[in-house]
Amino acid sequence: MMELLGKKFINEKEASQRYDYSPYWFRKQRLNKKEPKFVKSAGTGKIYYPVDETDKWFRDKMEMQI
């Protein structure tokens, strides 16, 4: 986990562990231009997910399935 401008971000591997979805699922979501939101590092090309927004997205997704 890293913090930037007071906001916490996790990389794809950490996201897959935290939300119990495979890294492939996250890549597929990005390729299909679907949520959850992410940022791509201009220097390295690495993908990061904002923890607060991603938590909220998964929470909302789970509520819709109930």
Protein backbone atom coordinates (compact mmCIF):
# COMPACT_ATOMS: atom_id res chain seq x y z
CA MET A 1 0.00 0.00 0.00
CA MET A 2 1.21 3.48 -0.78
CA GLU A 3 -0.03 6.91 0.14
CA LEU A 4 -0.10 9.85 -2.23
CA LEU A 5 -1.57 13.26 -1.42
CA GLY A 6 -3.26 11.81 1.64
CA LYS A 7 -4.97 9.02 -0.31
CA LYS A 8 -4.12 5.32 0.01
CA PHE A 9 -3.56 3.18 -3.08
CA ILE A 10 -2.96 -0.54 -3.60
CA ASN A 11 -1.43 -2.29 -6.58
CA GLU A 12 -3.15 -4.99 -8.61
CA LYS A 13 -1.72 -7.87 -6.57
CA GLU A 14 -2.81 -6.28 -3.29
CA ALA A 15 -6.26 -5.56 -4.76
CA SER A 16 -6.70 -9.16 -5.87
CA GLN A 17 -5.82 -10.38 -2.38
CA ARG A 18 -7.96 -7.78 -0.60
CA TYR A 19 -11.11 -8.35 -2.66
CA ASP A 20 -10.58 -12.03 -3.50
CA TYR A 21 -10.67 -11.53 -7.27
CA SER A 22 -7.89 -12.66 -9.57
CA PRO A 23 -5.44 -10.21 -11.16
CA TYR A 24 -6.88 -11.40 -14.49
CA TRP A 25 -10.35 -10.17 -13.42
CA PHE A 26 -8.94 -6.71 -12.66
CA ARG A 27 -7.14 -6.60 -16.03
CA LYS A 28 -10.31 -7.66 -17.85
CA GLN A 29 -12.29 -4.91 -16.09
CA ARG A 30 -9.74 -2.31 -17.19
CA LEU A 31 -9.65 -3.55 -20.78
CA ASN A 32 -13.46 -3.40 -20.93
CA LYS A 33 -13.34 0.11 -19.41
CA LYS A 34 -15.40 -0.95 -16.40
CA GLU A 35 -15.10 -0.11 -12.73
CA PRO A 36 -13.42 -0.15 -10.26
CA LYS A 37 -11.52 3.07 -10.90
CA PHE A 38 -7.75 2.94 -11.15
CA VAL A 39 -4.80 5.15 -11.90
CA LYS A 40 -1.82 4.31 -14.08
CA SER A 41 1.61 5.60 -13.16
CA ALA A 42 2.97 7.70 -16.02
CA GLY A 43 6.56 6.77 -15.21
CA THR A 44 6.25 3.02 -14.71
CA GLY A 45 2.89 2.11 -16.21
CA LYS A 46 1.93 0.33 -12.99
CA ILE A 47 -1.74 0.22 -11.99
CA TYR A 48 -3.00 1.41 -8.61
CA TYR A 49 -6.47 1.33 -7.08
CA PRO A 50 -7.62 4.00 -4.59
CA VAL A 51 -8.54 2.02 -1.47
CA ASP A 52 -11.50 4.14 -0.31
CA GLU A 53 -13.17 4.27 -3.73
CA THR A 54 -12.51 0.60 -4.48
CA ASP A 55 -13.86 -0.48 -1.06
CA LYS A 56 -17.00 1.55 -1.74
CA TRP A 57 -17.39 0.10 -5.24
CA PHE A 58 -17.16 -3.50 -3.98
CA ARG A 59 -19.49 -2.72 -1.05
CA ASP A 60 -22.08 -1.26 -3.46
CA LYS A 61 -21.65 -4.23 -5.80
CA MET A 62 -22.32 -6.66 -2.95
CA GLU A 63 -25.45 -4.74 -1.86
CA MET A 64 -26.84 -4.99 -5.38
CA GLN A 65 -26.44 -8.78 -5.33
CA ILE A 66 -28.36 -9.24 -2.07
